[in-house]
Amino acid sequence: MTVTHVQLLSVPVSDQDRARDFYVDVLGFDLMWDNPMGPGGRWVQVAPKGAATALTLVTWFPTMPPGSLKGLVLETDDLDGDVAALRDRGVAFAEDGIQVAPWGRYATFHDPDGNGIVLQSTRV
């Protein structure tokens, strides 16, 4: 195989505008595309600044209901600072806050549709 990287991950959402605003305005992702796609559809694609992998915010997969994605992991170099900034922007983290594991530290939260996100800082 000659696969070089993961290019795209679909995140199932109910409202593309609300999801786009969350991923761009709250998480700070870049808006890469927001274009019409077929009759009545839209292609909304976001990505962390400089990332090789992007997310597309989808509404059209019946087998992927909004909120069904769990375990989307985002790496950060400043977990404490990012958790504080996201809390200031209204993000609610799990009650246990920042957790410590043998491999690093992490905190979990959900996007507006309930998709589960892990913000982590991996020990090197």
PDB file of N, CA and C in Angstrom:
ATOM      1  N   MET A   1       0.835  -1.191   0.000  1.00  0.00           N
ATOM      2  CA  MET A   1       0.000   0.000   0.000  1.00  0.00           C
ATOM      3  C   MET A   1       0.873   1.245   0.000  1.00  0.00           C
ATOM      4  N   THR A   2       0.336   2.300  -0.599  1.00  0.00           N
ATOM      5  CA  THR A   2       1.083   3.556  -0.655  1.00  0.00           C
ATOM      6  C   THR A   2       0.306   4.712  -0.021  1.00  0.00           C
ATOM      7  N   VAL A   3      -0.515   4.410   0.976  1.00  0.00           N
ATOM      8  CA  VAL A   3      -1.265   5.441   1.681  1.00  0.00           C
ATOM      9  C   VAL A   3      -0.268   6.326   2.415  1.00  0.00           C
ATOM     10  N   THR A   4      -0.437   7.638   2.290  1.00  0.00           N
ATOM     11  CA  THR A   4       0.501   8.567   2.913  1.00  0.00           C
ATOM     12  C   THR A   4      -0.060   9.280   4.143  1.00  0.00           C
ATOM     13  N   HIS A   5      -1.370   9.453   4.201  1.00  0.00           N
ATOM     14  CA  HIS A   5      -1.981  10.097   5.360  1.00  0.00           C
ATOM     15  C   HIS A   5      -3.499   9.996   5.275  1.00  0.00           C
ATOM     16  N   VAL A   6      -4.152  10.321   6.370  1.00  0.00           N
ATOM     17  CA  VAL A   6      -5.608  10.437   6.379  1.00  0.00           C
ATOM     18  C   VAL A   6      -5.938  11.839   5.896  1.00  0.00           C
ATOM     19  N   GLN A   7      -6.686  11.934   4.817  1.00  0.00           N
ATOM     20  CA  GLN A   7      -6.996  13.236   4.239  1.00  0.00           C
ATOM     21  C   GLN A   7      -8.222  13.874   4.871  1.00  0.00           C
ATOM     22  N   LEU A   8      -9.259  13.064   5.123  1.00  0.00           N
ATOM     23  CA  LEU A   8     -10.557  13.625   5.486  1.00  0.00           C
ATOM     24  C   LEU A   8     -11.297  12.684   6.416  1.00  0.00           C
ATOM     25  N   LEU A   9     -11.994  13.256   7.379  1.00  0.00           N
ATOM     26  CA  LEU A   9     -12.856  12.509   8.282  1.00  0.00           C
ATOM     27  C   LEU A   9     -14.214  13.196   8.277  1.00  0.00           C
ATOM     28  N   SER A  10     -15.273  12.409   8.107  1.00  0.00           N
ATOM     29  CA  SER A  10     -16.623  12.972   8.101  1.00  0.00           C
ATOM     30  C   SER A  10     -17.168  13.025   9.522  1.00  0.00           C
ATOM     31  N   VAL A  11     -17.693  14.199   9.900  1.00  0.00           N
ATOM     32  CA  VAL A  11     -18.304  14.406  11.209  1.00  0.00           C
ATOM     33  C   VAL A  11     -19.798  14.625  10.978  1.00  0.00           C
ATOM     34  N   PRO A  12     -20.655  13.727  11.508  1.00  0.00           N
ATOM     35  CA  PRO A  12     -22.090  13.854  11.270  1.00  0.00           C
ATOM     36  C   PRO A  12     -22.727  14.932  12.144  1.00  0.00           C
ATOM     37  N   VAL A  13     -23.368  15.899  11.489  1.00  0.00           N
ATOM     38  CA  VAL A  13     -23.988  17.021  12.191  1.00  0.00           C
ATOM     39  C   VAL A  13     -25.419  17.214  11.704  1.00  0.00           C
ATOM     40  N   SER A  14     -26.210  17.929  12.489  1.00  0.00           N
ATOM     41  CA  SER A  14     -27.594  18.196  12.085  1.00  0.00           C
ATOM     42  C   SER A  14     -27.738  19.553  11.402  1.00  0.00           C
ATOM     43  N   ASP A  15     -26.856  20.484  11.713  1.00  0.00           N
ATOM     44  CA  ASP A  15     -26.935  21.846  11.195  1.00  0.00           C
ATOM     45  C   ASP A  15     -25.517  22.276  10.794  1.00  0.00           C
ATOM     46  N   GLN A  16     -25.259  22.368   9.505  1.00  0.00           N
ATOM     47  CA  GLN A  16     -23.908  22.682   9.038  1.00  0.00           C
ATOM     48  C   GLN A  16     -23.452  24.078   9.438  1.00  0.00           C
ATOM     49  N   ASP A  17     -24.359  25.044   9.480  1.00  0.00           N
ATOM     50  CA  ASP A  17     -23.983  26.395   9.896  1.00  0.00           C
ATOM     51  C   ASP A  17     -23.533  26.413  11.350  1.00  0.00           C
ATOM     52  N   ARG A  18     -24.317  25.791  12.215  1.00  0.00           N
ATOM     53  CA  ARG A  18     -23.978  25.742  13.647  1.00  0.00           C
ATOM     54  C   ARG A  18     -22.661  24.996  13.858  1.00  0.00           C
ATOM     55  N   ALA A  19     -22.491  23.869  13.170  1.00  0.00           N
ATOM     56  CA  ALA A  19     -21.264  23.081  13.300  1.00  0.00           C
ATOM     57  C   ALA A  19     -20.061  23.864  12.776  1.00  0.00           C
ATOM     58  N   ARG A  20     -20.217  24.504  11.622  1.00  0.00           N
ATOM     59  CA  ARG A  20     -19.126  25.312  11.060  1.00  0.00           C
ATOM     60  C   ARG A  20     -18.715  26.402  12.043  1.00  0.00           C
ATOM     61  N   ASP A  21     -19.689  27.094  12.606  1.00  0.00           N
ATOM     62  CA  ASP A  21     -19.392  28.157  13.561  1.00  0.00           C
ATOM     63  C   ASP A  21     -18.650  27.613  14.785  1.00  0.00           C
ATOM     64  N   PHE A  22     -19.029  26.437  15.268  1.00  0.00           N
ATOM     65  CA  PHE A  22     -18.354  25.839  16.418  1.00  0.00           C
ATOM     66  C   PHE A  22     -16.904  25.488  16.082  1.00  0.00           C
ATOM     67  N   TYR A  23     -16.707  24.774  14.973  1.00  0.00           N
ATOM     68  CA  TYR A  23     -15.357  24.330  14.637  1.00  0.00           C
ATOM     69  C   TYR A  23     -14.444  25.499  14.247  1.00  0.00           C
ATOM     70  N   VAL A  24     -15.000  26.541  13.643  1.00  0.00           N
ATOM     71  CA  VAL A  24     -14.193  27.695  13.230  1.00  0.00           C
ATOM     72  C   VAL A  24     -14.069  28.716  14.363  1.00  0.00           C
ATOM     73  N   ASP A  25     -15.183  29.167  14.896  1.00  0.00           N
ATOM     74  CA  ASP A  25     -15.159  30.257  15.874  1.00  0.00           C
ATOM     75  C   ASP A  25     -14.757  29.812  17.279  1.00  0.00           C
ATOM     76  N   VAL A  26     -15.134  28.604  17.670  1.00  0.00           N
ATOM     77  CA  VAL A  26     -14.827  28.128  19.023  1.00  0.00           C
ATOM     78  C   VAL A  26     -13.509  27.367  19.057  1.00  0.00           C
ATOM     79  N   LEU A  27     -13.349  26.386  18.155  1.00  0.00           N
ATOM     80  CA  LEU A  27     -12.125  25.583  18.160  1.00  0.00           C
ATOM     81  C   LEU A  27     -10.977  26.235  17.399  1.00  0.00           C
ATOM     82  N   GLY A  28     -11.268  27.232  16.567  1.00  0.00           N
ATOM     83  CA  GLY A  28     -10.210  27.947  15.857  1.00  0.00           C
ATOM     84  C   GLY A  28      -9.723  27.276  14.584  1.00  0.00           C
ATOM     85  N   PHE A  29     -10.508  26.349  14.046  1.00  0.00           N
ATOM     86  CA  PHE A  29     -10.136  25.693  12.792  1.00  0.00           C
ATOM     87  C   PHE A  29     -10.259  26.675  11.633  1.00  0.00           C
ATOM     88  N   ASP A  30      -9.564  26.384  10.553  1.00  0.00           N
ATOM     89  CA  ASP A  30      -9.713  27.150   9.319  1.00  0.00           C
ATOM     90  C   ASP A  30     -10.891  26.602   8.526  1.00  0.00           C
ATOM     91  N   LEU A  31     -11.667  27.485   7.924  1.00  0.00           N
ATOM     92  CA  LEU A  31     -12.713  27.084   6.992  1.00  0.00           C
ATOM     93  C   LEU A  31     -12.061  26.913   5.626  1.00  0.00           C
ATOM     94  N   MET A  32     -12.025  25.684   5.150  1.00  0.00           N
ATOM     95  CA  MET A  32     -11.375  25.402   3.877  1.00  0.00           C
ATOM     96  C   MET A  32     -12.356  25.502   2.712  1.00  0.00           C
ATOM     97  N   TRP A  33     -13.558  24.996   2.899  1.00  0.00           N
ATOM     98  CA  TRP A  33     -14.583  25.013   1.852  1.00  0.00           C
ATOM     99  C   TRP A  33     -15.957  25.169   2.489  1.00  0.00           C
ATOM    100  N   ASP A  34     -16.800  25.919   1.849  1.00  0.00           N
ATOM    101  CA  ASP A  34     -18.224  25.969   2.164  1.00  0.00           C
ATOM    102  C   ASP A  34     -18.915  26.249   0.831  1.00  0.00           C
ATOM    103  N   ASN A  35     -19.165  25.180   0.086  1.00  0.00           N
ATOM    104  CA  ASN A  35     -19.646  25.289  -1.282  1.00  0.00           C
ATOM    105  C   ASN A  35     -20.865  24.422  -1.522  1.00  0.00           C
ATOM    106  N   PRO A  36     -21.704  24.817  -2.484  1.00  0.00           N
ATOM    107  CA  PRO A  36     -22.819  23.955  -2.872  1.00  0.00           C
ATOM    108  C   PRO A  36     -22.297  22.614  -3.383  1.00  0.00           C
ATOM    109  N   MET A  37     -23.077  21.570  -3.106  1.00  0.00           N
ATOM    110  CA  MET A  37     -22.713  20.231  -3.551  1.00  0.00           C
ATOM    111  C   MET A  37     -23.997  19.517  -3.960  1.00  0.00           C
ATOM    112  N   GLY A  38     -24.225  19.415  -5.232  1.00  0.00           N
ATOM    113  CA  GLY A  38     -25.428  18.742  -5.701  1.00  0.00           C
ATOM    114  C   GLY A  38     -26.681  19.502  -5.326  1.00  0.00           C
ATOM    115  N   PRO A  39     -27.834  18.935  -5.634  1.00  0.00           N
ATOM    116  CA  PRO A  39     -29.098  19.620  -5.342  1.00  0.00           C
ATOM    117  C   PRO A  39     -29.353  19.716  -3.833  1.00  0.00           C
ATOM    118  N   GLY A  40     -29.357  20.938  -3.336  1.00  0.00           N
ATOM    119  CA  GLY A  40     -29.695  21.181  -1.937  1.00  0.00           C
ATOM    120  C   GLY A  40     -28.626  20.784  -0.939  1.00  0.00           C
ATOM    121  N   GLY A  41     -27.439  20.413  -1.378  1.00  0.00           N
ATOM    122  CA  GLY A  41     -26.389  19.989  -0.460  1.00  0.00           C
ATOM    123  C   GLY A  41     -25.264  20.994  -0.368  1.00  0.00           C
ATOM    124  N   ARG A  42     -24.429  20.815   0.643  1.00  0.00           N
ATOM    125  CA  ARG A  42     -23.269  21.683   0.860  1.00  0.00           C
ATOM    126  C   ARG A  42     -22.071  20.852   1.269  1.00  0.00           C
ATOM    127  N   TRP A  43     -20.908  21.281   0.842  1.00  0.00           N
ATOM    128  CA  TRP A  43     -19.646  20.690   1.284  1.00  0.00           C
ATOM    129  C   TRP A  43     -19.000  21.700   2.216  1.00  0.00           C
ATOM    130  N   VAL A  44     -18.957  21.373   3.503  1.00  0.00           N
ATOM    131  CA  VAL A  44     -18.336  22.234   4.499  1.00  0.00           C
ATOM    132  C   VAL A  44     -17.141  21.480   5.058  1.00  0.00           C
ATOM    133  N   GLN A  45     -15.959  22.036   4.849  1.00  0.00           N
ATOM    134  CA  GLN A  45     -14.722  21.374   5.258  1.00  0.00           C
ATOM    135  C   GLN A  45     -13.900  22.326   6.113  1.00  0.00           C
ATOM    136  N   VAL A  46     -13.435  21.831   7.266  1.00  0.00           N
ATOM    137  CA  VAL A  46     -12.642  22.612   8.204  1.00  0.00           C
ATOM    138  C   VAL A  46     -11.398  21.813   8.586  1.00  0.00           C
ATOM    139  N   ALA A  47     -10.389  22.505   9.087  1.00  0.00           N
ATOM    140  CA  ALA A  47      -9.170  21.818   9.525  1.00  0.00           C
ATOM    141  C   ALA A  47      -8.411  22.692  10.512  1.00  0.00           C
ATOM    142  N   PRO A  48      -7.695  22.059  11.441  1.00  0.00           N
ATOM    143  CA  PRO A  48      -6.791  22.844  12.277  1.00  0.00           C
ATOM    144  C   PRO A  48      -5.741  23.505  11.388  1.00  0.00           C
ATOM    145  N   LYS A  49      -5.263  24.637  11.789  1.00  0.00           N
ATOM    146  CA  LYS A  49      -4.260  25.367  11.001  1.00  0.00           C
ATOM    147  C   LYS A  49      -3.060  24.465  10.693  1.00  0.00           C
ATOM    148  N   GLY A  50      -2.727  24.329   9.417  1.00  0.00           N
ATOM    149  CA  GLY A  50      -1.574  23.556   8.986  1.00  0.00           C
ATOM    150  C   GLY A  50      -1.714  22.050   9.031  1.00  0.00           C
ATOM    151  N   ALA A  51      -2.895  21.538   9.334  1.00  0.00           N
ATOM    152  CA  ALA A  51      -3.083  20.090   9.471  1.00  0.00           C
ATOM    153  C   ALA A  51      -3.168  19.397   8.117  1.00  0.00           C
ATOM    154  N   ALA A  52      -2.729  18.154   8.063  1.00  0.00           N
ATOM    155  CA  ALA A  52      -2.845  17.339   6.855  1.00  0.00           C
ATOM    156  C   ALA A  52      -4.239  16.719   6.739  1.00  0.00           C
ATOM    157  N   THR A  53      -4.920  16.558   7.869  1.00  0.00           N
ATOM    158  CA  THR A  53      -6.239  15.941   7.881  1.00  0.00           C
ATOM    159  C   THR A  53      -7.302  17.001   8.128  1.00  0.00           C
ATOM    160  N   ALA A  54      -8.370  16.954   7.339  1.00  0.00           N
ATOM    161  CA  ALA A  54      -9.478  17.894   7.485  1.00  0.00           C
ATOM    162  C   ALA A  54     -10.734  17.145   7.922  1.00  0.00           C
ATOM    163  N   LEU A  55     -11.737  17.906   8.363  1.00  0.00           N
ATOM    164  CA  LEU A  55     -13.038  17.360   8.718  1.00  0.00           C
ATOM    165  C   LEU A  55     -14.063  17.913   7.749  1.00  0.00           C
ATOM    166  N   THR A  56     -14.972  17.053   7.297  1.00  0.00           N
ATOM    167  CA  THR A  56     -16.111  17.546   6.540  1.00  0.00           C
ATOM    168  C   THR A  56     -17.346  17.366   7.412  1.00  0.00           C
ATOM    169  N   LEU A  57     -18.155  18.399   7.499  1.00  0.00           N
ATOM    170  CA  LEU A  57     -19.333  18.414   8.360  1.00  0.00           C
ATOM    171  C   LEU A  57     -20.522  17.975   7.524  1.00  0.00           C
ATOM    172  N   VAL A  58     -20.952  16.725   7.722  1.00  0.00           N
ATOM    173  CA  VAL A  58     -21.904  16.084   6.822  1.00  0.00           C
ATOM    174  C   VAL A  58     -23.284  15.926   7.440  1.00  0.00           C
ATOM    175  N   THR A  59     -24.289  15.983   6.570  1.00  0.00           N
ATOM    176  CA  THR A  59     -25.686  15.780   6.978  1.00  0.00           C
ATOM    177  C   THR A  59     -26.363  14.689   6.156  1.00  0.00           C
ATOM    178  N   TRP A  60     -25.657  14.110   5.216  1.00  0.00           N
ATOM    179  CA  TRP A  60     -26.315  13.272   4.215  1.00  0.00           C
ATOM    180  C   TRP A  60     -26.091  11.769   4.348  1.00  0.00           C
ATOM    181  N   PHE A  61     -25.438  11.289   5.381  1.00  0.00           N
ATOM    182  CA  PHE A  61     -25.235   9.855   5.542  1.00  0.00           C
ATOM    183  C   PHE A  61     -26.244   9.287   6.532  1.00  0.00           C
ATOM    184  N   PRO A  62     -27.232   8.527   6.061  1.00  0.00           N
ATOM    185  CA  PRO A  62     -28.235   7.999   6.991  1.00  0.00           C
ATOM    186  C   PRO A  62     -27.642   7.039   8.025  1.00  0.00           C
ATOM    187  N   THR A  63     -26.516   6.428   7.724  1.00  0.00           N
ATOM    188  CA  THR A  63     -25.895   5.507   8.680  1.00  0.00           C
ATOM    189  C   THR A  63     -25.013   6.232   9.698  1.00  0.00           C
ATOM    190  N   MET A  64     -24.908   7.562   9.563  1.00  0.00           N
ATOM    191  CA  MET A  64     -24.116   8.369  10.502  1.00  0.00           C
ATOM    192  C   MET A  64     -25.000   9.474  11.079  1.00  0.00           C
ATOM    193  N   PRO A  65     -25.822   9.151  12.069  1.00  0.00           N
ATOM    194  CA  PRO A  65     -26.678  10.198  12.639  1.00  0.00           C
ATOM    195  C   PRO A  65     -25.843  11.243  13.386  1.00  0.00           C
ATOM    196  N   PRO A  66     -26.321  12.482  13.426  1.00  0.00           N
ATOM    197  CA  PRO A  66     -25.603  13.530  14.150  1.00  0.00           C
ATOM    198  C   PRO A  66     -25.286  13.084  15.575  1.00  0.00           C
ATOM    199  N   GLY A  67     -24.062  13.347  15.991  1.00  0.00           N
ATOM    200  CA  GLY A  67     -23.642  13.010  17.343  1.00  0.00           C
ATOM    201  C   GLY A  67     -23.096  11.603  17.505  1.00  0.00           C
ATOM    202  N   SER A  68     -23.047  10.831  16.428  1.00  0.00           N
ATOM    203  CA  SER A  68     -22.627   9.428  16.549  1.00  0.00           C
ATOM    204  C   SER A  68     -21.113   9.224  16.505  1.00  0.00           C
ATOM    205  N   LEU A  69     -20.348  10.267  16.189  1.00  0.00           N
ATOM    206  CA  LEU A  69     -18.893  10.139  16.160  1.00  0.00           C
ATOM    207  C   LEU A  69     -18.354  10.270  17.585  1.00  0.00           C
ATOM    208  N   LYS A  70     -17.576   9.310  18.003  1.00  0.00           N
ATOM    209  CA  LYS A  70     -16.964   9.344  19.336  1.00  0.00           C
ATOM    210  C   LYS A  70     -15.471   9.129  19.174  1.00  0.00           C
ATOM    211  N   GLY A  71     -14.690   9.834  19.962  1.00  0.00           N
ATOM    212  CA  GLY A  71     -13.256   9.600  19.973  1.00  0.00           C
ATOM    213  C   GLY A  71     -12.462  10.376  18.948  1.00  0.00           C
ATOM    214  N   LEU A  72     -12.963  11.501  18.465  1.00  0.00           N
ATOM    215  CA  LEU A  72     -12.157  12.373  17.617  1.00  0.00           C
ATOM    216  C   LEU A  72     -11.088  12.979  18.522  1.00  0.00           C
ATOM    217  N   VAL A  73      -9.819  12.721  18.229  1.00  0.00           N
ATOM    218  CA  VAL A  73      -8.727  13.157  19.102  1.00  0.00           C
ATOM    219  C   VAL A  73      -7.982  14.322  18.458  1.00  0.00           C
ATOM    220  N   LEU A  74      -7.875  15.412  19.194  1.00  0.00           N
ATOM    221  CA  LEU A  74      -7.158  16.601  18.761  1.00  0.00           C
ATOM    222  C   LEU A  74      -5.941  16.772  19.658  1.00  0.00           C
ATOM    223  N   GLU A  75      -4.772  16.887  19.065  1.00  0.00           N
ATOM    224  CA  GLU A  75      -3.520  17.049  19.821  1.00  0.00           C
ATOM    225  C   GLU A  75      -3.250  18.535  20.042  1.00  0.00           C
ATOM    226  N   THR A  76      -2.746  18.867  21.234  1.00  0.00           N
ATOM    227  CA  THR A  76      -2.394  20.246  21.561  1.00  0.00           C
ATOM    228  C   THR A  76      -1.045  20.293  22.276  1.00  0.00           C
ATOM    229  N   ASP A  77      -0.355  21.401  22.114  1.00  0.00           N
ATOM    230  CA  ASP A  77       0.893  21.630  22.839  1.00  0.00           C
ATOM    231  C   ASP A  77       0.650  22.347  24.160  1.00  0.00           C
ATOM    232  N   ASP A  78      -0.587  22.830  24.382  1.00  0.00           N
ATOM    233  CA  ASP A  78      -0.914  23.592  25.593  1.00  0.00           C
ATOM    234  C   ASP A  78      -2.299  23.187  26.080  1.00  0.00           C
ATOM    235  N   LEU A  79      -2.396  22.018  26.681  1.00  0.00           N
ATOM    236  CA  LEU A  79      -3.691  21.511  27.128  1.00  0.00           C
ATOM    237  C   LEU A  79      -4.346  22.448  28.134  1.00  0.00           C
ATOM    238  N   ASP A  80      -3.604  22.885  29.134  1.00  0.00           N
ATOM    239  CA  ASP A  80      -4.191  23.753  30.157  1.00  0.00           C
ATOM    240  C   ASP A  80      -4.711  25.057  29.553  1.00  0.00           C
ATOM    241  N   GLY A  81      -3.913  25.686  28.707  1.00  0.00           N
ATOM    242  CA  GLY A  81      -4.320  26.936  28.077  1.00  0.00           C
ATOM    243  C   GLY A  81      -5.508  26.756  27.147  1.00  0.00           C
ATOM    244  N   ASP A  82      -5.508  25.669  26.375  1.00  0.00           N
ATOM    245  CA  ASP A  82      -6.618  25.440  25.450  1.00  0.00           C
ATOM    246  C   ASP A  82      -7.909  25.102  26.181  1.00  0.00           C
ATOM    247  N   VAL A  83      -7.812  24.320  27.254  1.00  0.00           N
ATOM    248  CA  VAL A  83      -9.018  24.017  28.041  1.00  0.00           C
ATOM    249  C   VAL A  83      -9.582  25.306  28.625  1.00  0.00           C
ATOM    250  N   ALA A  84      -8.726  26.150  29.168  1.00  0.00           N
ATOM    251  CA  ALA A  84      -9.188  27.424  29.737  1.00  0.00           C
ATOM    252  C   ALA A  84      -9.834  28.305  28.663  1.00  0.00           C
ATOM    253  N   ALA A  85      -9.199  28.400  27.495  1.00  0.00           N
ATOM    254  CA  ALA A  85      -9.748  29.230  26.416  1.00  0.00           C
ATOM    255  C   ALA A  85     -11.085  28.685  25.931  1.00  0.00           C
ATOM    256  N   LEU A  86     -11.187  27.384  25.798  1.00  0.00           N
ATOM    257  CA  LEU A  86     -12.450  26.795  25.339  1.00  0.00           C
ATOM    258  C   LEU A  86     -13.544  26.961  26.389  1.00  0.00           C
ATOM    259  N   ARG A  87     -13.209  26.835  27.645  1.00  0.00           N
ATOM    260  CA  ARG A  87     -14.209  27.085  28.702  1.00  0.00           C
ATOM    261  C   ARG A  87     -14.712  28.519  28.615  1.00  0.00           C
ATOM    262  N   ASP A  88     -13.793  29.463  28.373  1.00  0.00           N
ATOM    263  CA  ASP A  88     -14.189  30.871  28.227  1.00  0.00           C
ATOM    264  C   ASP A  88     -15.133  31.067  27.045  1.00  0.00           C
ATOM    265  N   ARG A  89     -15.033  30.182  26.035  1.00  0.00           N
ATOM    266  CA  ARG A  89     -15.906  30.250  24.857  1.00  0.00           C
ATOM    267  C   ARG A  89     -17.170  29.415  25.030  1.00  0.00           C
ATOM    268  N   GLY A  90     -17.404  28.891  26.230  1.00  0.00           N
ATOM    269  CA  GLY A  90     -18.641  28.183  26.514  1.00  0.00           C
ATOM    270  C   GLY A  90     -18.600  26.675  26.361  1.00  0.00           C
ATOM    271  N   VAL A  91     -17.435  26.087  26.103  1.00  0.00           N
ATOM    272  CA  VAL A  91     -17.341  24.632  25.972  1.00  0.00           C
ATOM    273  C   VAL A  91     -17.385  24.008  27.354  1.00  0.00           C
ATOM    274  N   ALA A  92     -18.259  23.017  27.520  1.00  0.00           N
ATOM    275  CA  ALA A  92     -18.374  22.281  28.783  1.00  0.00           C
ATOM    276  C   ALA A  92     -17.558  20.998  28.681  1.00  0.00           C
ATOM    277  N   PHE A  93     -16.595  20.849  29.565  1.00  0.00           N
ATOM    278  CA  PHE A  93     -15.777  19.647  29.606  1.00  0.00           C
ATOM    279  C   PHE A  93     -16.406  18.645  30.560  1.00  0.00           C
ATOM    280  N   ALA A  94     -16.014  17.382  30.412  1.00  0.00           N
ATOM    281  CA  ALA A  94     -16.499  16.342  31.311  1.00  0.00           C
ATOM    282  C   ALA A  94     -16.190  16.748  32.751  1.00  0.00           C
ATOM    283  N   GLU A  95     -17.013  16.287  33.676  1.00  0.00           N
ATOM    284  CA  GLU A  95     -16.887  16.670  35.085  1.00  0.00           C
ATOM    285  C   GLU A  95     -15.518  16.377  35.663  1.00  0.00           C
ATOM    286  N   ASP A  96     -14.843  15.357  35.143  1.00  0.00           N
ATOM    287  CA  ASP A  96     -13.543  14.989  35.696  1.00  0.00           C
ATOM    288  C   ASP A  96     -12.408  15.886  35.191  1.00  0.00           C
ATOM    289  N   GLY A  97     -12.705  16.838  34.310  1.00  0.00           N
ATOM    290  CA  GLY A  97     -11.716  17.800  33.839  1.00  0.00           C
ATOM    291  C   GLY A  97     -10.535  17.153  33.137  1.00  0.00           C
ATOM    292  N   ILE A  98      -9.357  17.687  33.394  1.00  0.00           N
ATOM    293  CA  ILE A  98      -8.148  17.160  32.764  1.00  0.00           C
ATOM    294  C   ILE A  98      -7.743  15.865  33.483  1.00  0.00           C
ATOM    295  N   GLN A  99      -7.546  14.829  32.683  1.00  0.00           N
ATOM    296  CA  GLN A  99      -7.163  13.514  33.203  1.00  0.00           C
ATOM    297  C   GLN A  99      -5.701  13.232  32.875  1.00  0.00           C
ATOM    298  N   VAL A 100      -5.064  12.438  33.723  1.00  0.00           N
ATOM    299  CA  VAL A 100      -3.683  12.044  33.513  1.00  0.00           C
ATOM    300  C   VAL A 100      -3.654  10.558  33.190  1.00  0.00           C
ATOM    301  N   ALA A 101      -2.910  10.212  32.149  1.00  0.00           N
ATOM    302  CA  ALA A 101      -2.744   8.817  31.728  1.00  0.00           C
ATOM    303  C   ALA A 101      -1.254   8.558  31.549  1.00  0.00           C
ATOM    304  N   PRO A 102      -0.844   7.290  31.470  1.00  0.00           N
ATOM    305  CA  PRO A 102       0.582   6.996  31.286  1.00  0.00           C
ATOM    306  C   PRO A 102       1.174   7.633  30.025  1.00  0.00           C
ATOM    307  N   TRP A 103       0.357   7.872  29.026  1.00  0.00           N
ATOM    308  CA  TRP A 103       0.831   8.407  27.743  1.00  0.00           C
ATOM    309  C   TRP A 103       0.735   9.923  27.637  1.00  0.00           C
ATOM    310  N   GLY A 104       0.062  10.577  28.609  1.00  0.00           N
ATOM    311  CA  GLY A 104      -0.085  12.026  28.544  1.00  0.00           C
ATOM    312  C   GLY A 104      -1.285  12.503  29.348  1.00  0.00           C
ATOM    313  N   ARG A 105      -1.861  13.638  28.943  1.00  0.00           N
ATOM    314  CA  ARG A 105      -3.017  14.238  29.626  1.00  0.00           C
ATOM    315  C   ARG A 105      -4.092  14.532  28.595  1.00  0.00           C
ATOM    316  N   TYR A 106      -5.360  14.566  29.052  1.00  0.00           N
ATOM    317  CA  TYR A 106      -6.454  14.805  28.121  1.00  0.00           C
ATOM    318  C   TYR A 106      -7.685  15.338  28.849  1.00  0.00           C
ATOM    319  N   ALA A 107      -8.575  15.942  28.069  1.00  0.00           N
ATOM    320  CA  ALA A 107      -9.882  16.393  28.549  1.00  0.00           C
ATOM    321  C   ALA A 107     -10.886  16.124  27.436  1.00  0.00           C
ATOM    322  N   THR A 108     -12.111  15.807  27.821  1.00  0.00           N
ATOM    323  CA  THR A 108     -13.125  15.459  26.819  1.00  0.00           C
ATOM    324  C   THR A 108     -14.288  16.449  26.842  1.00  0.00           C
ATOM    325  N   PHE A 109     -14.872  16.643  25.649  1.00  0.00           N
ATOM    326  CA  PHE A 109     -16.038  17.509  25.495  1.00  0.00           C
ATOM    327  C   PHE A 109     -16.810  17.063  24.258  1.00  0.00           C
ATOM    328  N   HIS A 110     -17.911  17.732  23.980  1.00  0.00           N
ATOM    329  CA  HIS A 110     -18.746  17.403  22.825  1.00  0.00           C
ATOM    330  C   HIS A 110     -18.970  18.634  21.965  1.00  0.00           C
ATOM    331  N   ASP A 111     -19.161  18.402  20.658  1.00  0.00           N
ATOM    332  CA  ASP A 111     -19.572  19.497  19.785  1.00  0.00           C
ATOM    333  C   ASP A 111     -21.073  19.706  19.978  1.00  0.00           C
ATOM    334  N   PRO A 112     -21.684  20.692  19.332  1.00  0.00           N
ATOM    335  CA  PRO A 112     -23.107  20.964  19.553  1.00  0.00           C
ATOM    336  C   PRO A 112     -24.044  19.792  19.239  1.00  0.00           C
ATOM    337  N   ASP A 113     -23.609  18.837  18.413  1.00  0.00           N
ATOM    338  CA  ASP A 113     -24.448  17.682  18.103  1.00  0.00           C
ATOM    339  C   ASP A 113     -24.191  16.497  19.024  1.00  0.00           C
ATOM    340  N   GLY A 114     -23.194  16.588  19.889  1.00  0.00           N
ATOM    341  CA  GLY A 114     -22.879  15.481  20.790  1.00  0.00           C
ATOM    342  C   GLY A 114     -21.761  14.577  20.303  1.00  0.00           C
ATOM    343  N   ASN A 115     -21.088  14.947  19.221  1.00  0.00           N
ATOM    344  CA  ASN A 115     -19.916  14.183  18.787  1.00  0.00           C
ATOM    345  C   ASN A 115     -18.834  14.332  19.849  1.00  0.00           C
ATOM    346  N   GLY A 116     -18.232  13.214  20.259  1.00  0.00           N
ATOM    347  CA  GLY A 116     -17.249  13.215  21.338  1.00  0.00           C
ATOM    348  C   GLY A 116     -15.865  13.599  20.857  1.00  0.00           C
ATOM    349  N   ILE A 117     -15.245  14.551  21.554  1.00  0.00           N
ATOM    350  CA  ILE A 117     -13.925  15.044  21.185  1.00  0.00           C
ATOM    351  C   ILE A 117     -12.991  14.922  22.387  1.00  0.00           C
ATOM    352  N   VAL A 118     -11.783  14.464  22.123  1.00  0.00           N
ATOM    353  CA  VAL A 118     -10.739  14.372  23.135  1.00  0.00           C
ATOM    354  C   VAL A 118      -9.665  15.386  22.771  1.00  0.00           C
ATOM    355  N   LEU A 119      -9.352  16.262  23.687  1.00  0.00           N
ATOM    356  CA  LEU A 119      -8.253  17.211  23.515  1.00  0.00           C
ATOM    357  C   LEU A 119      -7.107  16.662  24.350  1.00  0.00           C
ATOM    358  N   GLN A 120      -5.990  16.357  23.714  1.00  0.00           N
ATOM    359  CA  GLN A 120      -4.919  15.686  24.450  1.00  0.00           C
ATOM    360  C   GLN A 120      -3.565  16.317  24.203  1.00  0.00           C
ATOM    361  N   SER A 121      -2.691  16.059  25.168  1.00  0.00           N
ATOM    362  CA  SER A 121      -1.286  16.435  25.076  1.00  0.00           C
ATOM    363  C   SER A 121      -0.493  15.165  25.346  1.00  0.00           C
ATOM    364  N   THR A 122       0.137  14.628  24.325  1.00  0.00           N
ATOM    365  CA  THR A 122       0.853  13.366  24.438  1.00  0.00           C
ATOM    366  C   THR A 122       2.244  13.606  24.995  1.00  0.00           C
ATOM    367  N   ARG A 123       2.623  12.771  25.956  1.00  0.00           N
ATOM    368  CA  ARG A 123       3.979  12.823  26.488  1.00  0.00           C
ATOM    369  C   ARG A 123       4.957  12.318  25.453  1.00  0.00           C
ATOM    370  N   VAL A 124       6.062  13.006  25.299  1.00  0.00           N
ATOM    371  CA  VAL A 124       7.089  12.536  24.358  1.00  0.00           C
ATOM    372  C   VAL A 124       8.321  12.067  25.108  1.00  0.00           C
TER     373      VAL A 124
END
